[in-house]
Amino acid sequence: MYEITDTDMVLERLAGPTMLDELARRPWRVGSLGRELGRLHDRLHALPAPEWLPKWFSTADGDRVLHLDLHPGNVILTRRGPVVIDWCNAGAGDPAADVAMTLVTVGSADVPGLAARLGRGLLLRGMRSGCRTDPAGRMQEAVRVKLDDPNLTPTEAAWLRRHAAVGNEPGEGWTDRSGC
């Protein structure tokens, strides 16, 4: 951030494709980009949350910074490395909730084509292998939060309800919409 006033912020202009664009252009990189997404979660969750951030998924032992919408469309791949954008949902809380929100958001996205669905599974498996945080304890809570999203399509909501009813843990159906 270069400058901030009561009404404006002057930010750096970023040059580079989003991670989502890179996945479309170079699908063979899906595993490595997934691992990078996992590492971005770890780097973000290393930061203690400032008091002014809204509390979303609070913990008993020190809240961390959460993005709560960290997916490939919100990562710009610059020459200096990946940069996370779109911080409007940011909050303070448990890193497991942030990872769970990514699994739920990406896993439930209504994308066309078998190749895209298979790629999504590989991306999320890569993300889980690159991230040290286990989201299992926050998955059902993340589903409930996602179901309240007014931008959710009926198809995405139905998929989430089915997975919540089955009680799938991360890696058991969250990365694959086949058979939906």
C-alpha atoms as a PDB file:
ATOM      1  CA  MET A   1       0.000   0.000   0.000  1.00  0.00           C
ATOM      2  CA  TYR A   2       1.419   3.333  -1.013  1.00  0.00           C
ATOM      3  CA  GLU A   3      -1.060   5.728   0.563  1.00  0.00           C
ATOM      4  CA  ILE A   4      -4.270   5.656   2.562  1.00  0.00           C
ATOM      5  CA  THR A   5      -6.762   8.426   3.279  1.00  0.00           C
ATOM      6  CA  ASP A   6     -10.230   8.505   4.814  1.00  0.00           C
ATOM      7  CA  THR A   7     -11.765   7.503   1.477  1.00  0.00           C
ATOM      8  CA  ASP A   8      -9.035   6.032  -0.729  1.00  0.00           C
ATOM      9  CA  MET A   9      -6.147   3.579  -0.891  1.00  0.00           C
ATOM     10  CA  VAL A  10      -3.342   3.673  -3.434  1.00  0.00           C
ATOM     11  CA  LEU A  11      -2.131   0.135  -4.081  1.00  0.00           C
ATOM     12  CA  GLU A  12       0.603  -1.426  -6.168  1.00  0.00           C
ATOM     13  CA  ARG A  13      -0.396  -2.509  -9.682  1.00  0.00           C
ATOM     14  CA  LEU A  14       0.339  -6.213 -10.071  1.00  0.00           C
ATOM     15  CA  ALA A  15       1.460  -7.741 -13.355  1.00  0.00           C
ATOM     16  CA  GLY A  16       0.934 -11.411 -14.094  1.00  0.00           C
ATOM     17  CA  PRO A  17      -1.744 -14.010 -14.628  1.00  0.00           C
ATOM     18  CA  THR A  18      -3.957 -15.349 -11.890  1.00  0.00           C
ATOM     19  CA  MET A  19      -3.234 -18.868 -10.727  1.00  0.00           C
ATOM     20  CA  LEU A  20      -6.522 -19.826 -12.398  1.00  0.00           C
ATOM     21  CA  ASP A  21      -5.311 -18.416 -15.739  1.00  0.00           C
ATOM     22  CA  GLU A  22      -2.042 -20.321 -15.349  1.00  0.00           C
ATOM     23  CA  LEU A  23      -3.967 -23.545 -14.677  1.00  0.00           C
ATOM     24  CA  ALA A  24      -5.944 -23.049 -17.898  1.00  0.00           C
ATOM     25  CA  ARG A  25      -2.774 -22.365 -19.932  1.00  0.00           C
ATOM     26  CA  ARG A  26      -0.542 -25.000 -18.332  1.00  0.00           C
ATOM     27  CA  PRO A  27      -2.740 -27.709 -16.796  1.00  0.00           C
ATOM     28  CA  TRP A  28       0.276 -29.970 -16.216  1.00  0.00           C
ATOM     29  CA  ARG A  29       1.265 -27.569 -13.396  1.00  0.00           C
ATOM     30  CA  VAL A  30      -1.891 -28.347 -11.377  1.00  0.00           C
ATOM     31  CA  GLY A  31      -0.052 -30.283  -8.638  1.00  0.00           C
ATOM     32  CA  SER A  32       2.705 -27.719  -8.145  1.00  0.00           C
ATOM     33  CA  LEU A  33       0.223 -24.829  -8.168  1.00  0.00           C
ATOM     34  CA  GLY A  34      -1.912 -26.672  -5.627  1.00  0.00           C
ATOM     35  CA  ARG A  35       1.108 -27.096  -3.364  1.00  0.00           C
ATOM     36  CA  GLU A  36       1.855 -23.378  -3.781  1.00  0.00           C
ATOM     37  CA  LEU A  37      -1.717 -22.583  -2.713  1.00  0.00           C
ATOM     38  CA  GLY A  38      -1.157 -24.728   0.393  1.00  0.00           C
ATOM     39  CA  ARG A  39       2.103 -22.939   1.179  1.00  0.00           C
ATOM     40  CA  LEU A  40       0.328 -19.576   0.807  1.00  0.00           C
ATOM     41  CA  HIS A  41      -2.138 -20.708   3.469  1.00  0.00           C
ATOM     42  CA  ASP A  42       0.747 -21.627   5.775  1.00  0.00           C
ATOM     43  CA  ARG A  43       2.507 -18.279   5.238  1.00  0.00           C
ATOM     44  CA  LEU A  44      -0.704 -16.353   5.874  1.00  0.00           C
ATOM     45  CA  HIS A  45      -1.568 -18.350   8.986  1.00  0.00           C
ATOM     46  CA  ALA A  46       1.837 -17.625  10.488  1.00  0.00           C
ATOM     47  CA  LEU A  47       0.609 -14.043  11.034  1.00  0.00           C
ATOM     48  CA  PRO A  48      -1.100 -13.188  14.326  1.00  0.00           C
ATOM     49  CA  ALA A  49      -4.413 -11.439  13.673  1.00  0.00           C
ATOM     50  CA  PRO A  50      -4.612  -7.758  14.571  1.00  0.00           C
ATOM     51  CA  GLU A  51      -7.378  -6.891  17.036  1.00  0.00           C
ATOM     52  CA  TRP A  52      -9.366  -4.886  14.459  1.00  0.00           C
ATOM     53  CA  LEU A  53      -9.974  -7.867  12.141  1.00  0.00           C
ATOM     54  CA  PRO A  54     -13.477  -9.337  12.524  1.00  0.00           C
ATOM     55  CA  LYS A  55     -13.545 -12.626  14.422  1.00  0.00           C
ATOM     56  CA  TRP A  56     -14.892 -15.457  12.267  1.00  0.00           C
ATOM     57  CA  PHE A  57     -13.681 -18.806  13.491  1.00  0.00           C
ATOM     58  CA  SER A  58     -12.094 -17.882  16.816  1.00  0.00           C
ATOM     59  CA  THR A  59      -9.692 -20.071  18.721  1.00  0.00           C
ATOM     60  CA  ALA A  60      -8.790 -20.331  22.379  1.00  0.00           C
ATOM     61  CA  ASP A  61      -5.067 -19.944  21.767  1.00  0.00           C
ATOM     62  CA  GLY A  62      -4.516 -16.943  19.518  1.00  0.00           C
ATOM     63  CA  ASP A  63      -6.316 -16.071  16.320  1.00  0.00           C
ATOM     64  CA  ARG A  64      -4.424 -15.908  13.027  1.00  0.00           C
ATOM     65  CA  VAL A  65      -5.068 -13.908   9.840  1.00  0.00           C
ATOM     66  CA  LEU A  66      -7.603 -15.666   7.597  1.00  0.00           C
ATOM     67  CA  HIS A  67      -8.350 -14.813   3.970  1.00  0.00           C
ATOM     68  CA  LEU A  68     -11.555 -16.912   3.753  1.00  0.00           C
ATOM     69  CA  ASP A  69     -11.649 -16.788  -0.065  1.00  0.00           C
ATOM     70  CA  LEU A  70      -8.181 -18.052  -0.988  1.00  0.00           C
ATOM     71  CA  HIS A  71      -8.619 -19.820  -4.325  1.00  0.00           C
ATOM     72  CA  PRO A  72      -6.686 -19.766  -7.645  1.00  0.00           C
ATOM     73  CA  GLY A  73      -8.645 -16.757  -8.931  1.00  0.00           C
ATOM     74  CA  ASN A  74      -7.389 -14.697  -5.979  1.00  0.00           C
ATOM     75  CA  VAL A  75      -3.674 -15.328  -6.474  1.00  0.00           C
ATOM     76  CA  ILE A  76      -1.660 -13.252  -8.964  1.00  0.00           C
ATOM     77  CA  LEU A  77       1.558 -14.901 -10.146  1.00  0.00           C
ATOM     78  CA  THR A  78       4.007 -11.990 -10.377  1.00  0.00           C
ATOM     79  CA  ARG A  79       7.701 -12.075 -11.211  1.00  0.00           C
ATOM     80  CA  ARG A  80       8.436 -11.628  -7.483  1.00  0.00           C
ATOM     81  CA  GLY A  81       6.197 -14.571  -6.596  1.00  0.00           C
ATOM     82  CA  PRO A  82       2.515 -15.185  -5.864  1.00  0.00           C
ATOM     83  CA  VAL A  83       0.461 -12.357  -4.353  1.00  0.00           C
ATOM     84  CA  VAL A  84      -2.896 -12.921  -2.663  1.00  0.00           C
ATOM     85  CA  ILE A  85      -5.609 -10.412  -3.627  1.00  0.00           C
ATOM     86  CA  ASP A  86      -9.267  -9.727  -2.735  1.00  0.00           C
ATOM     87  CA  TRP A  87      -9.162  -9.332   1.019  1.00  0.00           C
ATOM     88  CA  CYS A  88     -12.803  -8.266   1.535  1.00  0.00           C
ATOM     89  CA  ASN A  89     -13.658 -11.467   3.477  1.00  0.00           C
ATOM     90  CA  ALA A  90     -10.545 -11.422   5.694  1.00  0.00           C
ATOM     91  CA  GLY A  91     -10.927 -12.143   9.359  1.00  0.00           C
ATOM     92  CA  ALA A  92      -9.291 -13.536  12.463  1.00  0.00           C
ATOM     93  CA  GLY A  93      -9.538 -17.083  13.675  1.00  0.00           C
ATOM     94  CA  ASP A  94      -8.549 -20.706  13.246  1.00  0.00           C
ATOM     95  CA  PRO A  95      -6.367 -21.510  10.200  1.00  0.00           C
ATOM     96  CA  ALA A  96      -8.214 -24.831   9.817  1.00  0.00           C
ATOM     97  CA  ALA A  97     -11.341 -22.837   8.936  1.00  0.00           C
ATOM     98  CA  ASP A  98      -9.509 -20.952   6.176  1.00  0.00           C
ATOM     99  CA  VAL A  99      -8.244 -24.201   4.620  1.00  0.00           C
ATOM    100  CA  ALA A 100     -11.722 -25.728   4.981  1.00  0.00           C
ATOM    101  CA  MET A 101     -13.284 -22.712   3.219  1.00  0.00           C
ATOM    102  CA  THR A 102     -10.894 -23.188   0.287  1.00  0.00           C
ATOM    103  CA  LEU A 103     -11.756 -26.891   0.060  1.00  0.00           C
ATOM    104  CA  VAL A 104     -15.485 -26.124   0.209  1.00  0.00           C
ATOM    105  CA  THR A 105     -15.316 -23.192  -2.232  1.00  0.00           C
ATOM    106  CA  VAL A 106     -13.157 -24.895  -4.850  1.00  0.00           C
ATOM    107  CA  GLY A 107     -14.677 -28.338  -4.300  1.00  0.00           C
ATOM    108  CA  SER A 108     -18.245 -27.130  -4.776  1.00  0.00           C
ATOM    109  CA  ALA A 109     -17.609 -24.797  -7.729  1.00  0.00           C
ATOM    110  CA  ASP A 110     -19.836 -25.659 -10.667  1.00  0.00           C
ATOM    111  CA  VAL A 111     -17.240 -25.975 -13.448  1.00  0.00           C
ATOM    112  CA  PRO A 112     -17.964 -27.518 -16.844  1.00  0.00           C
ATOM    113  CA  GLY A 113     -16.210 -30.577 -18.209  1.00  0.00           C
ATOM    114  CA  LEU A 114     -14.641 -33.717 -16.858  1.00  0.00           C
ATOM    115  CA  ALA A 115     -11.085 -32.392 -17.370  1.00  0.00           C
ATOM    116  CA  ALA A 116     -11.799 -29.357 -15.182  1.00  0.00           C
ATOM    117  CA  ARG A 117     -13.353 -31.547 -12.477  1.00  0.00           C
ATOM    118  CA  LEU A 118     -10.367 -33.918 -12.507  1.00  0.00           C
ATOM    119  CA  GLY A 119      -7.997 -30.937 -12.427  1.00  0.00           C
ATOM    120  CA  ARG A 120      -9.837 -29.527  -9.429  1.00  0.00           C
ATOM    121  CA  GLY A 121      -9.267 -32.784  -7.554  1.00  0.00           C
ATOM    122  CA  LEU A 122      -5.555 -32.719  -8.361  1.00  0.00           C
ATOM    123  CA  LEU A 123      -5.324 -29.056  -7.348  1.00  0.00           C
ATOM    124  CA  LEU A 124      -6.926 -29.653  -3.961  1.00  0.00           C
ATOM    125  CA  ARG A 125      -4.867 -32.767  -3.284  1.00  0.00           C
ATOM    126  CA  GLY A 126      -1.760 -30.688  -4.097  1.00  0.00           C
ATOM    127  CA  MET A 127      -2.992 -27.929  -1.791  1.00  0.00           C
ATOM    128  CA  ARG A 128      -3.477 -30.389   1.070  1.00  0.00           C
ATOM    129  CA  SER A 129       0.019 -31.812   0.539  1.00  0.00           C
ATOM    130  CA  GLY A 130       1.537 -28.304   0.570  1.00  0.00           C
ATOM    131  CA  CYS A 131      -0.336 -27.138   3.678  1.00  0.00           C
ATOM    132  CA  ARG A 132       0.447 -28.195   7.251  1.00  0.00           C
ATOM    133  CA  THR A 133      -3.033 -27.358   8.602  1.00  0.00           C
ATOM    134  CA  ASP A 134      -5.654 -30.094   8.961  1.00  0.00           C
ATOM    135  CA  PRO A 135      -9.104 -28.638   8.161  1.00  0.00           C
ATOM    136  CA  ALA A 136     -11.126 -31.669   9.336  1.00  0.00           C
ATOM    137  CA  GLY A 137     -12.522 -30.059  12.496  1.00  0.00           C
ATOM    138  CA  ARG A 138     -13.896 -27.056  10.600  1.00  0.00           C
ATOM    139  CA  MET A 139     -15.325 -28.671   7.430  1.00  0.00           C
ATOM    140  CA  GLN A 140     -18.978 -28.826   8.507  1.00  0.00           C
ATOM    141  CA  GLU A 141     -18.827 -25.252   9.808  1.00  0.00           C
ATOM    142  CA  ALA A 142     -17.304 -24.103   6.502  1.00  0.00           C
ATOM    143  CA  VAL A 143     -20.140 -25.823   4.622  1.00  0.00           C
ATOM    144  CA  ARG A 144     -22.721 -23.981   6.742  1.00  0.00           C
ATOM    145  CA  VAL A 145     -21.000 -20.633   6.083  1.00  0.00           C
ATOM    146  CA  LYS A 146     -20.727 -21.362   2.351  1.00  0.00           C
ATOM    147  CA  LEU A 147     -24.421 -22.312   2.163  1.00  0.00           C
ATOM    148  CA  ASP A 148     -25.231 -18.784   3.402  1.00  0.00           C
ATOM    149  CA  ASP A 149     -23.327 -17.251   0.437  1.00  0.00           C
ATOM    150  CA  PRO A 150     -25.891 -15.390  -1.729  1.00  0.00           C
ATOM    151  CA  ASN A 151     -23.719 -15.999  -4.826  1.00  0.00           C
ATOM    152  CA  LEU A 152     -23.935 -19.788  -4.501  1.00  0.00           C
ATOM    153  CA  THR A 153     -25.696 -21.462  -7.431  1.00  0.00           C
ATOM    154  CA  PRO A 154     -28.458 -24.010  -6.774  1.00  0.00           C
ATOM    155  CA  THR A 155     -26.196 -26.759  -8.191  1.00  0.00           C
ATOM    156  CA  GLU A 156     -23.347 -25.799  -5.839  1.00  0.00           C
ATOM    157  CA  ALA A 157     -25.703 -25.623  -2.852  1.00  0.00           C
ATOM    158  CA  ALA A 158     -27.153 -29.066  -3.639  1.00  0.00           C
ATOM    159  CA  TRP A 159     -23.643 -30.555  -3.904  1.00  0.00           C
ATOM    160  CA  LEU A 160     -22.651 -29.021  -0.565  1.00  0.00           C
ATOM    161  CA  ARG A 161     -25.804 -30.306   1.156  1.00  0.00           C
ATOM    162  CA  ARG A 162     -25.143 -33.823  -0.141  1.00  0.00           C
ATOM    163  CA  HIS A 163     -21.544 -33.774   1.096  1.00  0.00           C
ATOM    164  CA  ALA A 164     -22.526 -32.298   4.462  1.00  0.00           C
ATOM    165  CA  ALA A 165     -25.187 -34.986   4.921  1.00  0.00           C
ATOM    166  CA  VAL A 166     -22.701 -37.754   4.120  1.00  0.00           C
ATOM    167  CA  GLY A 167     -20.171 -36.197   6.508  1.00  0.00           C
ATOM    168  CA  ASN A 168     -17.234 -36.440   4.104  1.00  0.00           C
ATOM    169  CA  GLU A 169     -13.925 -35.449   5.568  1.00  0.00           C
ATOM    170  CA  PRO A 170     -11.329 -33.549   3.493  1.00  0.00           C
ATOM    171  CA  GLY A 171     -10.046 -35.754   0.722  1.00  0.00           C
ATOM    172  CA  GLU A 172     -13.172 -37.947   0.778  1.00  0.00           C
ATOM    173  CA  GLY A 173     -15.184 -36.377  -2.004  1.00  0.00           C
ATOM    174  CA  TRP A 174     -14.331 -32.718  -1.359  1.00  0.00           C
ATOM    175  CA  THR A 175     -11.923 -32.692  -4.273  1.00  0.00           C
ATOM    176  CA  ASP A 176     -14.140 -34.369  -6.860  1.00  0.00           C
ATOM    177  CA  ARG A 177     -17.644 -33.681  -8.146  1.00  0.00           C
ATOM    178  CA  SER A 178     -17.875 -36.794 -10.320  1.00  0.00           C
ATOM    179  CA  GLY A 179     -21.119 -38.637  -9.846  1.00  0.00           C
ATOM    180  CA  CYS A 180     -22.831 -35.384  -8.897  1.00  0.00           C
END
